[in-house]
Amino acid sequence: MPEDYIVIVTDETDETSVPIEGQRGWGEEVRKRISGLKEVRLPVSQLEQNMAQFLRLVGRLFKQVDQQIGSESGMKLDEVELSVEISGEGEVKLIAGGKATGKGAITLKFTRADTTK
């Protein structure tokens, strides 16, 4: 059976060294950022594996948080919202606020399952 692929559009930013115009002597250079969109075909199986590992680790972290909160205060963690980004290499990365938020992020919202039913 052929492998399924998903196309990811990334904003690839490269840094290159460019000589400073009009400078002589030591050949000073300045770093220049070059940006452009790039399409990358990723195997779905690779993305599934990376997402599963990410979710497993996040689940472990929040299980620990839930245990600590509950044992000390009687409260429970009901909802967690995370922003993640998928890189051109298929890495699943947690976005932690600041200027990075909202830049093509995927929002994952986890709510506690109703255990009273």
N, C-alpha and C. Protein backbone atom coordinates (compact mmCIF):
# COMPACT_ATOMS: atom_id res chain seq x y z
N MET A 1 0.85 -1.18 0.00
CA MET A 1 0.00 0.00 0.00
C MET A 1 0.89 1.24 0.00
N PRO A 2 0.63 2.20 -0.88
CA PRO A 2 1.48 3.39 -0.96
C PRO A 2 1.33 4.28 0.27
N GLU A 3 2.41 4.96 0.59
CA GLU A 3 2.46 5.88 1.73
C GLU A 3 1.62 7.12 1.44
N ASP A 4 0.85 7.56 2.44
CA ASP A 4 0.11 8.82 2.32
C ASP A 4 1.02 9.97 2.74
N TYR A 5 0.85 11.11 2.06
CA TYR A 5 1.64 12.29 2.35
C TYR A 5 0.73 13.46 2.65
N ILE A 6 1.23 14.40 3.45
CA ILE A 6 0.54 15.65 3.71
C ILE A 6 1.51 16.76 3.33
N VAL A 7 0.98 17.82 2.73
CA VAL A 7 1.83 18.94 2.33
C VAL A 7 1.79 19.99 3.43
N ILE A 8 2.97 20.38 3.90
CA ILE A 8 3.11 21.42 4.92
C ILE A 8 3.72 22.64 4.24
N VAL A 9 3.13 23.80 4.44
CA VAL A 9 3.70 25.04 3.92
C VAL A 9 4.40 25.71 5.08
N THR A 10 5.71 25.92 4.95
CA THR A 10 6.49 26.51 6.02
C THR A 10 7.06 27.85 5.58
N ASP A 11 7.35 28.67 6.56
CA ASP A 11 8.01 29.95 6.33
C ASP A 11 9.47 29.74 6.67
N GLU A 12 10.23 29.31 5.69
CA GLU A 12 11.65 29.02 5.90
C GLU A 12 12.43 30.32 5.94
N THR A 13 13.21 30.51 7.00
CA THR A 13 14.04 31.69 7.12
C THR A 13 15.49 31.24 7.20
N ASP A 14 16.29 31.71 6.28
CA ASP A 14 17.72 31.39 6.25
C ASP A 14 18.51 32.64 6.57
N GLU A 15 19.67 32.46 7.19
CA GLU A 15 20.57 33.57 7.42
C GLU A 15 21.78 33.41 6.52
N THR A 16 22.15 34.48 5.87
CA THR A 16 23.35 34.45 5.03
C THR A 16 24.23 35.63 5.41
N SER A 17 25.53 35.49 5.19
CA SER A 17 26.46 36.58 5.45
C SER A 17 26.63 37.41 4.18
N VAL A 18 26.47 38.71 4.32
CA VAL A 18 26.58 39.62 3.19
C VAL A 18 27.61 40.69 3.55
N PRO A 19 28.59 40.96 2.67
CA PRO A 19 29.58 42.01 2.97
C PRO A 19 28.90 43.37 3.12
N ILE A 20 29.39 44.17 4.05
CA ILE A 20 28.87 45.52 4.24
C ILE A 20 29.39 46.37 3.09
N GLU A 21 28.49 47.07 2.42
CA GLU A 21 28.87 47.89 1.27
C GLU A 21 29.74 49.06 1.71
N GLY A 22 30.79 49.32 0.94
CA GLY A 22 31.65 50.47 1.20
C GLY A 22 32.69 50.23 2.28
N GLN A 23 32.74 49.06 2.87
CA GLN A 23 33.72 48.77 3.91
C GLN A 23 34.95 48.15 3.30
N ARG A 24 36.10 48.51 3.80
CA ARG A 24 37.36 47.93 3.34
C ARG A 24 38.09 47.35 4.52
N GLY A 25 39.08 46.60 4.24
CA GLY A 25 39.93 46.10 5.32
C GLY A 25 39.57 44.71 5.75
N TRP A 26 38.97 44.59 6.88
CA TRP A 26 38.73 43.30 7.51
C TRP A 26 37.57 42.53 6.89
N GLY A 27 36.92 43.08 5.93
CA GLY A 27 35.84 42.37 5.24
C GLY A 27 34.66 42.10 6.16
N GLU A 28 34.21 43.14 6.86
CA GLU A 28 33.09 42.97 7.78
C GLU A 28 31.85 42.48 7.04
N GLU A 29 31.08 41.68 7.73
CA GLU A 29 29.86 41.14 7.12
C GLU A 29 28.69 41.37 8.05
N VAL A 30 27.53 41.41 7.50
CA VAL A 30 26.30 41.52 8.27
C VAL A 30 25.44 40.31 7.95
N ARG A 31 24.71 39.82 8.96
CA ARG A 31 23.82 38.68 8.75
C ARG A 31 22.51 39.20 8.17
N LYS A 32 22.05 38.58 7.11
CA LYS A 32 20.81 39.00 6.45
C LYS A 32 19.83 37.84 6.47
N ARG A 33 18.60 38.12 6.85
CA ARG A 33 17.56 37.10 6.88
C ARG A 33 16.83 37.08 5.54
N ILE A 34 16.72 35.90 4.98
CA ILE A 34 15.99 35.71 3.72
C ILE A 34 14.82 34.79 4.03
N SER A 35 13.62 35.24 3.71
CA SER A 35 12.43 34.48 4.06
C SER A 35 11.63 34.15 2.81
N GLY A 36 10.99 32.99 2.85
CA GLY A 36 10.13 32.60 1.75
C GLY A 36 9.31 31.37 2.12
N LEU A 37 8.20 31.19 1.45
CA LEU A 37 7.36 30.03 1.71
C LEU A 37 7.90 28.82 0.96
N LYS A 38 7.77 27.68 1.60
CA LYS A 38 8.27 26.44 1.01
C LYS A 38 7.27 25.33 1.29
N GLU A 39 6.97 24.52 0.29
CA GLU A 39 6.09 23.37 0.48
C GLU A 39 6.93 22.13 0.71
N VAL A 40 6.56 21.36 1.72
CA VAL A 40 7.27 20.13 2.06
C VAL A 40 6.25 19.00 2.13
N ARG A 41 6.54 17.88 1.47
CA ARG A 41 5.68 16.69 1.55
C ARG A 41 6.20 15.80 2.66
N LEU A 42 5.35 15.57 3.65
CA LEU A 42 5.73 14.72 4.78
C LEU A 42 4.91 13.44 4.78
N PRO A 43 5.54 12.32 5.06
CA PRO A 43 4.78 11.08 5.22
C PRO A 43 3.84 11.22 6.42
N VAL A 44 2.59 10.87 6.24
CA VAL A 44 1.61 10.97 7.33
C VAL A 44 2.04 10.10 8.51
N SER A 45 2.65 8.95 8.24
CA SER A 45 3.09 8.06 9.33
C SER A 45 4.13 8.75 10.22
N GLN A 46 5.01 9.57 9.63
CA GLN A 46 6.01 10.30 10.41
C GLN A 46 5.33 11.35 11.29
N LEU A 47 4.37 12.06 10.72
CA LEU A 47 3.64 13.07 11.48
C LEU A 47 2.82 12.43 12.60
N GLU A 48 2.19 11.28 12.31
CA GLU A 48 1.43 10.56 13.35
C GLU A 48 2.34 10.15 14.50
N GLN A 49 3.51 9.65 14.17
CA GLN A 49 4.47 9.21 15.19
C GLN A 49 4.94 10.40 16.05
N ASN A 50 5.26 11.52 15.40
CA ASN A 50 5.73 12.69 16.14
C ASN A 50 4.62 13.29 17.00
N MET A 51 3.39 13.32 16.48
CA MET A 51 2.27 13.85 17.26
C MET A 51 1.96 12.95 18.44
N ALA A 52 2.01 11.64 18.23
CA ALA A 52 1.76 10.69 19.33
C ALA A 52 2.79 10.86 20.45
N GLN A 53 4.05 11.02 20.07
CA GLN A 53 5.09 11.22 21.09
C GLN A 53 4.87 12.53 21.83
N PHE A 54 4.54 13.60 21.10
CA PHE A 54 4.27 14.90 21.72
C PHE A 54 3.11 14.79 22.71
N LEU A 55 2.01 14.17 22.29
CA LEU A 55 0.83 14.05 23.15
C LEU A 55 1.10 13.17 24.36
N ARG A 56 1.90 12.13 24.19
CA ARG A 56 2.27 11.26 25.30
C ARG A 56 3.04 12.06 26.36
N LEU A 57 3.99 12.86 25.93
CA LEU A 57 4.79 13.66 26.87
C LEU A 57 3.96 14.75 27.54
N VAL A 58 3.11 15.43 26.76
CA VAL A 58 2.24 16.46 27.33
C VAL A 58 1.27 15.82 28.33
N GLY A 59 0.72 14.66 27.99
CA GLY A 59 -0.18 13.96 28.90
C GLY A 59 0.50 13.62 30.21
N ARG A 60 1.74 13.19 30.13
CA ARG A 60 2.51 12.87 31.34
C ARG A 60 2.72 14.11 32.20
N LEU A 61 3.05 15.23 31.56
CA LEU A 61 3.25 16.48 32.31
C LEU A 61 1.98 16.92 33.03
N PHE A 62 0.85 16.91 32.32
CA PHE A 62 -0.38 17.39 32.92
C PHE A 62 -0.98 16.40 33.91
N LYS A 63 -0.66 15.14 33.78
CA LYS A 63 -1.07 14.17 34.80
C LYS A 63 -0.39 14.51 36.12
N GLN A 64 0.90 14.85 36.04
CA GLN A 64 1.65 15.25 37.23
C GLN A 64 1.09 16.54 37.83
N VAL A 65 0.77 17.52 36.97
CA VAL A 65 0.18 18.78 37.43
C VAL A 65 -1.15 18.49 38.14
N ASP A 66 -1.98 17.67 37.54
CA ASP A 66 -3.28 17.33 38.10
C ASP A 66 -3.13 16.68 39.48
N GLN A 67 -2.16 15.78 39.61
CA GLN A 67 -1.94 15.12 40.90
C GLN A 67 -1.47 16.11 41.96
N GLN A 68 -0.58 17.02 41.59
CA GLN A 68 -0.07 18.00 42.54
C GLN A 68 -1.16 18.97 42.98
N ILE A 69 -1.94 19.46 42.04
CA ILE A 69 -3.01 20.40 42.37
C ILE A 69 -4.05 19.73 43.26
N GLY A 70 -4.47 18.52 42.88
CA GLY A 70 -5.50 17.81 43.63
C GLY A 70 -5.08 17.45 45.03
N SER A 71 -3.85 17.01 45.20
CA SER A 71 -3.40 16.57 46.52
C SER A 71 -3.21 17.73 47.48
N GLU A 72 -2.93 18.91 46.98
CA GLU A 72 -2.66 20.04 47.86
C GLU A 72 -3.84 20.97 48.05
N SER A 73 -4.79 21.00 47.12
CA SER A 73 -5.84 22.00 47.22
C SER A 73 -7.25 21.45 47.05
N GLY A 74 -7.37 20.22 46.63
CA GLY A 74 -8.69 19.66 46.37
C GLY A 74 -9.25 20.10 45.02
N MET A 75 -8.50 20.85 44.22
CA MET A 75 -8.96 21.29 42.90
C MET A 75 -8.54 20.25 41.87
N LYS A 76 -9.09 20.39 40.66
CA LYS A 76 -8.67 19.52 39.57
C LYS A 76 -8.49 20.34 38.30
N LEU A 77 -7.65 19.85 37.43
CA LEU A 77 -7.40 20.49 36.15
C LEU A 77 -8.48 20.03 35.18
N ASP A 78 -9.31 20.96 34.71
CA ASP A 78 -10.42 20.61 33.82
C ASP A 78 -10.14 20.84 32.35
N GLU A 79 -9.27 21.79 32.04
CA GLU A 79 -9.07 22.14 30.64
C GLU A 79 -7.64 22.64 30.42
N VAL A 80 -7.07 22.24 29.29
CA VAL A 80 -5.73 22.69 28.89
C VAL A 80 -5.82 23.06 27.41
N GLU A 81 -5.28 24.21 27.06
CA GLU A 81 -5.24 24.63 25.66
C GLU A 81 -3.78 24.90 25.29
N LEU A 82 -3.32 24.24 24.25
CA LEU A 82 -1.94 24.38 23.80
C LEU A 82 -1.91 24.81 22.34
N SER A 83 -0.90 25.58 21.97
CA SER A 83 -0.66 25.91 20.57
C SER A 83 0.58 25.16 20.14
N VAL A 84 0.48 24.48 19.01
CA VAL A 84 1.61 23.73 18.48
C VAL A 84 1.86 24.14 17.04
N GLU A 85 3.06 23.87 16.60
CA GLU A 85 3.45 24.15 15.22
C GLU A 85 4.12 22.90 14.66
N ILE A 86 3.90 22.64 13.40
CA ILE A 86 4.55 21.52 12.73
C ILE A 86 5.62 22.09 11.81
N SER A 87 6.86 21.66 12.02
CA SER A 87 7.97 22.17 11.21
C SER A 87 8.01 21.46 9.86
N GLY A 88 8.86 21.95 8.99
CA GLY A 88 9.06 21.35 7.68
C GLY A 88 9.67 19.97 7.75
N GLU A 89 10.24 19.62 8.91
CA GLU A 89 10.80 18.28 9.12
C GLU A 89 9.82 17.35 9.82
N GLY A 90 8.62 17.87 10.12
CA GLY A 90 7.60 17.05 10.77
C GLY A 90 7.65 17.09 12.28
N GLU A 91 8.49 17.95 12.86
CA GLU A 91 8.54 18.06 14.31
C GLU A 91 7.30 18.78 14.81
N VAL A 92 6.77 18.32 15.94
CA VAL A 92 5.64 18.97 16.58
C VAL A 92 6.21 19.76 17.75
N LYS A 93 6.03 21.09 17.69
CA LYS A 93 6.66 21.97 18.68
C LYS A 93 5.60 22.75 19.44
N LEU A 94 5.79 22.85 20.75
CA LEU A 94 4.93 23.64 21.61
C LEU A 94 5.29 25.11 21.44
N ILE A 95 4.30 25.97 21.24
CA ILE A 95 4.53 27.40 21.13
C ILE A 95 4.19 28.03 22.47
N ALA A 96 5.16 28.75 23.01
CA ALA A 96 5.00 29.30 24.35
C ALA A 96 4.90 30.82 24.33
N GLY A 97 3.75 31.34 23.92
CA GLY A 97 3.47 32.77 24.02
C GLY A 97 4.39 33.67 23.23
N GLY A 98 4.34 34.94 23.56
CA GLY A 98 5.18 35.93 22.92
C GLY A 98 4.82 36.15 21.47
N LYS A 99 5.82 36.47 20.65
CA LYS A 99 5.61 36.79 19.25
C LYS A 99 5.28 35.55 18.41
N ALA A 100 5.54 34.37 18.96
CA ALA A 100 5.34 33.14 18.18
C ALA A 100 3.87 32.74 18.05
N THR A 101 3.01 33.20 18.96
CA THR A 101 1.62 32.75 18.94
C THR A 101 0.88 33.24 17.71
N GLY A 102 0.01 32.39 17.23
CA GLY A 102 -0.86 32.76 16.13
C GLY A 102 -0.23 32.66 14.75
N LYS A 103 1.02 32.29 14.65
CA LYS A 103 1.72 32.22 13.37
C LYS A 103 1.54 30.83 12.78
N GLY A 104 0.35 30.54 12.30
CA GLY A 104 0.11 29.24 11.71
C GLY A 104 0.04 28.12 12.73
N ALA A 105 -0.28 28.46 13.95
CA ALA A 105 -0.32 27.46 15.01
C ALA A 105 -1.60 26.64 14.94
N ILE A 106 -1.50 25.43 15.45
CA ILE A 106 -2.66 24.56 15.62
C ILE A 106 -3.00 24.61 17.10
N THR A 107 -4.25 24.86 17.43
CA THR A 107 -4.65 24.89 18.83
C THR A 107 -5.25 23.55 19.19
N LEU A 108 -4.70 22.93 20.23
CA LEU A 108 -5.23 21.68 20.77
C LEU A 108 -5.90 22.01 22.10
N LYS A 109 -7.17 21.68 22.23
CA LYS A 109 -7.90 21.98 23.46
C LYS A 109 -8.33 20.65 24.08
N PHE A 110 -7.87 20.41 25.29
CA PHE A 110 -8.18 19.18 26.00
C PHE A 110 -9.10 19.52 27.17
N THR A 111 -10.23 18.81 27.25
CA THR A 111 -11.13 18.98 28.39
C THR A 111 -11.27 17.64 29.10
N ARG A 112 -11.50 17.72 30.38
CA ARG A 112 -11.64 16.50 31.18
C ARG A 112 -12.89 15.75 30.74
N ALA A 113 -12.76 14.45 30.55
CA ALA A 113 -13.89 13.61 30.20
C ALA A 113 -14.87 13.57 31.38
N ASP A 114 -16.15 13.59 31.08
CA ASP A 114 -17.18 13.53 32.13
C ASP A 114 -17.22 12.10 32.66
N THR A 115 -16.72 11.91 33.86
CA THR A 115 -16.65 10.57 34.45
C THR A 115 -17.88 10.22 35.27
N THR A 116 -18.89 11.13 35.30
CA THR A 116 -20.10 10.85 36.08
C THR A 116 -21.12 10.05 35.30
N LYS A 117 -20.94 9.90 34.00
CA LYS A 117 -21.91 9.18 33.17
C LYS A 117 -21.63 7.71 33.16
